[in-house]
PDB file of N, CA and C in Angstrom:
ATOM      1  N   MET A   1       5.811  24.012 -15.362  1.00  0.00           N
ATOM      2  CA  MET A   1       6.557  24.218 -14.878  1.00  0.00           C
ATOM      3  C   MET A   1       7.892  25.599 -15.593  1.00  0.00           C
ATOM      4  N   PRO A   2       7.294  26.563 -15.243  1.00  0.00           N
ATOM      5  CA  PRO A   2       7.933  27.811 -15.910  1.00  0.00           C
ATOM      6  C   PRO A   2       9.454  27.886 -15.313  1.00  0.00           C
ATOM      7  N   GLY A   3      10.301  27.944 -16.421  1.00  0.00           N
ATOM      8  CA  GLY A   3      11.706  28.167 -16.530  1.00  0.00           C
ATOM      9  C   GLY A   3      12.263  26.744 -16.808  1.00  0.00           C
ATOM     10  N   ARG A   4      11.284  25.845 -16.638  1.00  0.00           N
ATOM     11  CA  ARG A   4      12.273  24.012 -16.900  1.00  0.00           C
ATOM     12  C   ARG A   4      11.118  23.673 -18.573  1.00  0.00           C
ATOM     13  N   ALA A   5      11.517  24.060 -19.053  1.00  0.00           N
ATOM     14  CA  ALA A   5      10.916  23.658 -20.306  1.00  0.00           C
ATOM     15  C   ALA A   5      11.551  22.333 -20.688  1.00  0.00           C
ATOM     16  N   GLY A   6      12.646  22.215 -20.944  1.00  0.00           N
ATOM     17  CA  GLY A   6      12.959  20.689 -20.977  1.00  0.00           C
ATOM     18  C   GLY A   6      12.617  19.606 -19.661  1.00  0.00           C
ATOM     19  N   ALA A   7      12.591  20.073 -18.573  1.00  0.00           N
ATOM     20  CA  ALA A   7      11.925  18.733 -17.705  1.00  0.00           C
ATOM     21  C   ALA A   7      10.661  18.325 -18.190  1.00  0.00           C
ATOM     22  N   ALA A   8       9.478  20.060 -18.454  1.00  0.00           N
ATOM     23  CA  ALA A   8       8.206  19.629 -18.938  1.00  0.00           C
ATOM     24  C   ALA A   8       7.794  18.716 -20.186  1.00  0.00           C
ATOM     25  N   THR A   9       8.777  18.833 -21.016  1.00  0.00           N
ATOM     26  CA  THR A   9       8.737  18.678 -22.384  1.00  0.00           C
ATOM     27  C   THR A   9       8.584  17.251 -22.241  1.00  0.00           C
ATOM     28  N   THR A  10       9.804  16.520 -21.144  1.00  0.00           N
ATOM     29  CA  THR A  10      10.431  15.060 -21.176  1.00  0.00           C
ATOM     30  C   THR A  10       9.041  14.682 -20.287  1.00  0.00           C
ATOM     31  N   LEU A  11       8.265  15.238 -19.487  1.00  0.00           N
ATOM     32  CA  LEU A  11       7.823  14.523 -18.073  1.00  0.00           C
ATOM     33  C   LEU A  11       6.270  14.362 -19.360  1.00  0.00           C
ATOM     34  N   PHE A  12       6.010  15.074 -20.010  1.00  0.00           N
ATOM     35  CA  PHE A  12       5.189  15.058 -21.256  1.00  0.00           C
ATOM     36  C   PHE A  12       5.198  13.832 -21.971  1.00  0.00           C
ATOM     37  N   THR A  13       6.215  13.864 -22.444  1.00  0.00           N
ATOM     38  CA  THR A  13       6.843  13.243 -23.807  1.00  0.00           C
ATOM     39  C   THR A  13       6.646  11.524 -22.757  1.00  0.00           C
ATOM     40  N   ASN A  14       7.337  11.492 -21.562  1.00  0.00           N
ATOM     41  CA  ASN A  14       7.180  10.423 -21.014  1.00  0.00           C
ATOM     42  C   ASN A  14       5.605   9.778 -20.813  1.00  0.00           C
ATOM     43  N   SER A  15       4.737  10.505 -19.829  1.00  0.00           N
ATOM     44  CA  SER A  15       3.670  10.038 -19.608  1.00  0.00           C
ATOM     45  C   SER A  15       2.939   9.799 -20.529  1.00  0.00           C
ATOM     46  N   ILE A  16       2.910  10.584 -21.718  1.00  0.00           N
ATOM     47  CA  ILE A  16       2.244   9.571 -23.207  1.00  0.00           C
ATOM     48  C   ILE A  16       2.471   8.494 -23.435  1.00  0.00           C
ATOM     49  N   SER A  17       3.663   7.880 -23.155  1.00  0.00           N
ATOM     50  CA  SER A  17       3.881   6.500 -23.509  1.00  0.00           C
ATOM     51  C   SER A  17       3.799   5.723 -22.698  1.00  0.00           C
ATOM     52  N   THR A  18       4.128   6.148 -20.995  1.00  0.00           N
ATOM     53  CA  THR A  18       3.113   5.151 -19.732  1.00  0.00           C
ATOM     54  C   THR A  18       2.009   5.209 -19.681  1.00  0.00           C
ATOM     55  N   GLY A  19       1.172   5.988 -20.480  1.00  0.00           N
ATOM     56  CA  GLY A  19      -0.258   5.720 -20.472  1.00  0.00           C
ATOM     57  C   GLY A  19      -0.683   5.128 -21.291  1.00  0.00           C
ATOM     58  N   VAL A  20      -0.171   5.030 -22.735  1.00  0.00           N
ATOM     59  CA  VAL A  20      -0.433   4.357 -23.626  1.00  0.00           C
ATOM     60  C   VAL A  20       0.066   2.784 -23.188  1.00  0.00           C
ATOM     61  N   ILE A  21       0.826   2.484 -22.974  1.00  0.00           N
ATOM     62  CA  ILE A  21       1.185   0.784 -22.313  1.00  0.00           C
ATOM     63  C   ILE A  21       0.260   0.691 -21.027  1.00  0.00           C
ATOM     64  N   LEU A  22       0.003   1.625 -19.727  1.00  0.00           N
ATOM     65  CA  LEU A  22      -0.863   1.090 -19.074  1.00  0.00           C
ATOM     66  C   LEU A  22      -2.287   0.817 -19.719  1.00  0.00           C
ATOM     67  N   ALA A  23      -2.714   1.776 -20.449  1.00  0.00           N
ATOM     68  CA  ALA A  23      -3.910   1.451 -21.447  1.00  0.00           C
ATOM     69  C   ALA A  23      -4.339  -0.043 -21.449  1.00  0.00           C
ATOM     70  N   GLY A  24      -3.554  -0.365 -22.484  1.00  0.00           N
ATOM     71  CA  GLY A  24      -3.895  -1.550 -23.071  1.00  0.00           C
ATOM     72  C   GLY A  24      -4.019  -2.828 -21.916  1.00  0.00           C
ATOM     73  N   VAL A  25      -2.922  -2.517 -20.850  1.00  0.00           N
ATOM     74  CA  VAL A  25      -3.491  -3.414 -19.905  1.00  0.00           C
ATOM     75  C   VAL A  25      -4.626  -3.445 -19.030  1.00  0.00           C
ATOM     76  N   ILE A  26      -4.693  -2.446 -18.531  1.00  0.00           N
ATOM     77  CA  ILE A  26      -5.480  -1.753 -18.086  1.00  0.00           C
ATOM     78  C   ILE A  26      -6.930  -2.166 -18.644  1.00  0.00           C
ATOM     79  N   GLN A  27      -7.154  -2.145 -19.919  1.00  0.00           N
ATOM     80  CA  GLN A  27      -8.145  -2.640 -20.730  1.00  0.00           C
ATOM     81  C   GLN A  27      -8.335  -3.585 -21.031  1.00  0.00           C
ATOM     82  N   GLY A  28      -7.525  -4.613 -21.267  1.00  0.00           N
ATOM     83  CA  GLY A  28      -7.655  -5.759 -21.394  1.00  0.00           C
ATOM     84  C   GLY A  28      -8.091  -6.585 -19.981  1.00  0.00           C
ATOM     85  N   ALA A  29      -7.455  -6.160 -18.467  1.00  0.00           N
ATOM     86  CA  ALA A  29      -8.006  -6.455 -17.408  1.00  0.00           C
ATOM     87  C   ALA A  29     -10.073  -6.635 -17.693  1.00  0.00           C
ATOM     88  N   ILE A  30     -10.141  -5.286 -17.859  1.00  0.00           N
ATOM     89  CA  ILE A  30     -11.035  -4.912 -17.505  1.00  0.00           C
ATOM     90  C   ILE A  30     -12.192  -5.543 -18.164  1.00  0.00           C
ATOM     91  N   ALA A  31     -12.083  -5.806 -19.406  1.00  0.00           N
ATOM     92  CA  ALA A  31     -12.846  -6.360 -20.804  1.00  0.00           C
ATOM     93  C   ALA A  31     -12.598  -7.783 -20.412  1.00  0.00           C
ATOM     94  N   GLN A  32     -11.652  -8.656 -20.137  1.00  0.00           N
ATOM     95  CA  GLN A  32     -11.763  -9.969 -19.529  1.00  0.00           C
ATOM     96  C   GLN A  32     -12.644 -10.264 -18.314  1.00  0.00           C
ATOM     97  N   SER A  33     -12.760  -9.437 -17.470  1.00  0.00           N
ATOM     98  CA  SER A  33     -13.276  -9.426 -16.205  1.00  0.00           C
ATOM     99  C   SER A  33     -14.934  -9.128 -15.773  1.00  0.00           C
ATOM    100  N   TRP A  34     -14.784  -8.254 -16.734  1.00  0.00           N
ATOM    101  CA  TRP A  34     -16.374  -7.561 -16.522  1.00  0.00           C
ATOM    102  C   TRP A  34     -16.824  -7.508 -18.006  1.00  0.00           C
ATOM    103  N   GLY A  35     -16.356  -7.727 -19.534  1.00  0.00           N
ATOM    104  CA  GLY A  35     -16.748  -7.464 -20.653  1.00  0.00           C
ATOM    105  C   GLY A  35     -16.312  -6.504 -21.191  1.00  0.00           C
ATOM    106  N   HIS A  36     -16.788  -6.356 -22.759  1.00  0.00           N
ATOM    107  CA  HIS A  36     -16.290  -5.436 -23.238  1.00  0.00           C
ATOM    108  C   HIS A  36     -16.767  -3.989 -23.198  1.00  0.00           C
ATOM    109  N   PHE A  37     -18.133  -3.813 -22.449  1.00  0.00           N
ATOM    110  CA  PHE A  37     -18.833  -2.834 -22.657  1.00  0.00           C
ATOM    111  C   PHE A  37     -18.077  -2.328 -21.240  1.00  0.00           C
ATOM    112  N   ALA A  38     -17.720  -2.666 -20.211  1.00  0.00           N
ATOM    113  CA  ALA A  38     -17.246  -2.396 -18.874  1.00  0.00           C
ATOM    114  C   ALA A  38     -15.927  -1.604 -19.028  1.00  0.00           C
ATOM    115  N   VAL A  39     -15.850  -1.454 -20.262  1.00  0.00           N
ATOM    116  CA  VAL A  39     -14.047  -0.459 -20.496  1.00  0.00           C
ATOM    117  C   VAL A  39     -15.158   0.982 -21.013  1.00  0.00           C
ATOM    118  N   TYR A  40     -15.935   0.804 -21.472  1.00  0.00           N
ATOM    119  CA  TYR A  40     -16.946   2.357 -21.931  1.00  0.00           C
ATOM    120  C   TYR A  40     -16.896   3.065 -20.516  1.00  0.00           C
ATOM    121  N   TRP A  41     -18.116   2.120 -19.626  1.00  0.00           N
ATOM    122  CA  TRP A  41     -18.323   2.713 -18.244  1.00  0.00           C
ATOM    123  C   TRP A  41     -17.121   3.525 -17.477  1.00  0.00           C
ATOM    124  N   VAL A  42     -15.914   2.195 -17.645  1.00  0.00           N
ATOM    125  CA  VAL A  42     -14.689   2.985 -16.696  1.00  0.00           C
ATOM    126  C   VAL A  42     -14.133   4.283 -17.181  1.00  0.00           C
ATOM    127  N   ILE A  43     -14.178   4.483 -18.596  1.00  0.00           N
ATOM    128  CA  ILE A  43     -13.373   5.520 -19.233  1.00  0.00           C
ATOM    129  C   ILE A  43     -14.467   7.113 -19.231  1.00  0.00           C
ATOM    130  N   ALA A  44     -15.767   6.121 -19.244  1.00  0.00           N
ATOM    131  CA  ALA A  44     -16.972   7.554 -18.443  1.00  0.00           C
ATOM    132  C   ALA A  44     -16.605   8.066 -17.461  1.00  0.00           C
ATOM    133  N   VAL A  45     -16.480   7.287 -16.359  1.00  0.00           N
ATOM    134  CA  VAL A  45     -16.029   7.288 -14.666  1.00  0.00           C
ATOM    135  C   VAL A  45     -14.704   8.615 -15.166  1.00  0.00           C
ATOM    136  N   ILE A  46     -14.150   7.920 -15.469  1.00  0.00           N
ATOM    137  CA  ILE A  46     -12.449   8.876 -15.584  1.00  0.00           C
ATOM    138  C   ILE A  46     -13.205  10.116 -16.300  1.00  0.00           C
ATOM    139  N   SER A  47     -13.347  10.053 -17.471  1.00  0.00           N
ATOM    140  CA  SER A  47     -13.760  11.172 -18.043  1.00  0.00           C
ATOM    141  C   SER A  47     -14.460  12.415 -17.527  1.00  0.00           C
ATOM    142  N   VAL A  48     -15.428  11.956 -16.427  1.00  0.00           N
ATOM    143  CA  VAL A  48     -16.285  12.930 -15.296  1.00  0.00           C
ATOM    144  C   VAL A  48     -16.026  13.505 -14.550  1.00  0.00           C
ATOM    145  N   VAL A  49     -14.506  12.425 -13.941  1.00  0.00           N
ATOM    146  CA  VAL A  49     -13.548  12.899 -13.027  1.00  0.00           C
ATOM    147  C   VAL A  49     -12.497  13.818 -13.249  1.00  0.00           C
ATOM    148  N   ALA A  50     -12.646  13.453 -14.601  1.00  0.00           N
ATOM    149  CA  ALA A  50     -10.968  14.897 -15.201  1.00  0.00           C
ATOM    150  C   ALA A  50     -12.064  15.977 -15.601  1.00  0.00           C
ATOM    151  N   LEU A  51     -13.160  16.201 -16.008  1.00  0.00           N
ATOM    152  CA  LEU A  51     -13.892  17.031 -16.199  1.00  0.00           C
ATOM    153  C   LEU A  51     -13.654  18.262 -14.687  1.00  0.00           C
ATOM    154  N   PHE A  52     -14.181  17.477 -13.854  1.00  0.00           N
ATOM    155  CA  PHE A  52     -14.220  17.988 -12.287  1.00  0.00           C
ATOM    156  C   PHE A  52     -13.152  18.689 -11.960  1.00  0.00           C
ATOM    157  N   LEU A  53     -12.131  17.686 -12.385  1.00  0.00           N
ATOM    158  CA  LEU A  53     -11.109  18.323 -11.896  1.00  0.00           C
ATOM    159  C   LEU A  53     -10.102  19.327 -12.648  1.00  0.00           C
ATOM    160  N   THR A  54     -10.464  19.370 -13.880  1.00  0.00           N
ATOM    161  CA  THR A  54      -9.693  20.458 -14.733  1.00  0.00           C
ATOM    162  C   THR A  54     -10.641  21.649 -13.995  1.00  0.00           C
ATOM    163  N   ALA A  55     -11.643  21.962 -13.749  1.00  0.00           N
ATOM    164  CA  ALA A  55     -12.488  22.812 -13.562  1.00  0.00           C
ATOM    165  C   ALA A  55     -12.009  23.709 -12.038  1.00  0.00           C
ATOM    166  N   LYS A  56     -11.567  22.818 -11.172  1.00  0.00           N
ATOM    167  CA  LYS A  56     -10.857  23.291 -10.304  1.00  0.00           C
ATOM    168  C   LYS A  56      -9.497  23.812 -10.579  1.00  0.00           C
ATOM    169  N   VAL A  57      -8.767  23.904 -11.629  1.00  0.00           N
ATOM    170  CA  VAL A  57      -7.360  23.960 -11.762  1.00  0.00           C
ATOM    171  C   VAL A  57      -7.427  26.024 -12.067  1.00  0.00           C
ATOM    172  N   LYS A  58      -6.594  26.557 -11.109  1.00  0.00           N
ATOM    173  CA  LYS A  58      -6.645  27.987 -11.179  1.00  0.00           C
ATOM    174  C   LYS A  58      -5.668  28.328 -12.620  1.00  0.00           C
ATOM    175  N   ASP A  59      -5.700  29.171 -12.730  1.00  0.00           N
ATOM    176  CA  ASP A  59      -5.056  29.799 -14.240  1.00  0.00           C
ATOM    177  C   ASP A  59      -4.115  30.559 -14.039  1.00  0.00           C
ATOM    178  N   VAL A  60      -3.301  30.506 -14.442  1.00  0.00           N
ATOM    179  CA  VAL A  60      -1.920  30.968 -13.994  1.00  0.00           C
ATOM    180  C   VAL A  60      -1.421  31.842 -15.386  1.00  0.00           C
TER     181      VAL A  60
END
């Protein structure tokens, strides 16, 4: 977001707060439904997807 530092900072800060809240709820639901170790498998899949997506980002 070139030229919009305030908006970028606000978006980043709000994303962290929202992520922390949602992570706890989603982690609890997964652990309750499929067990504790399923949480680690889900996060492994999300990490691999994130790795591939970051490889596709063009340098600015």
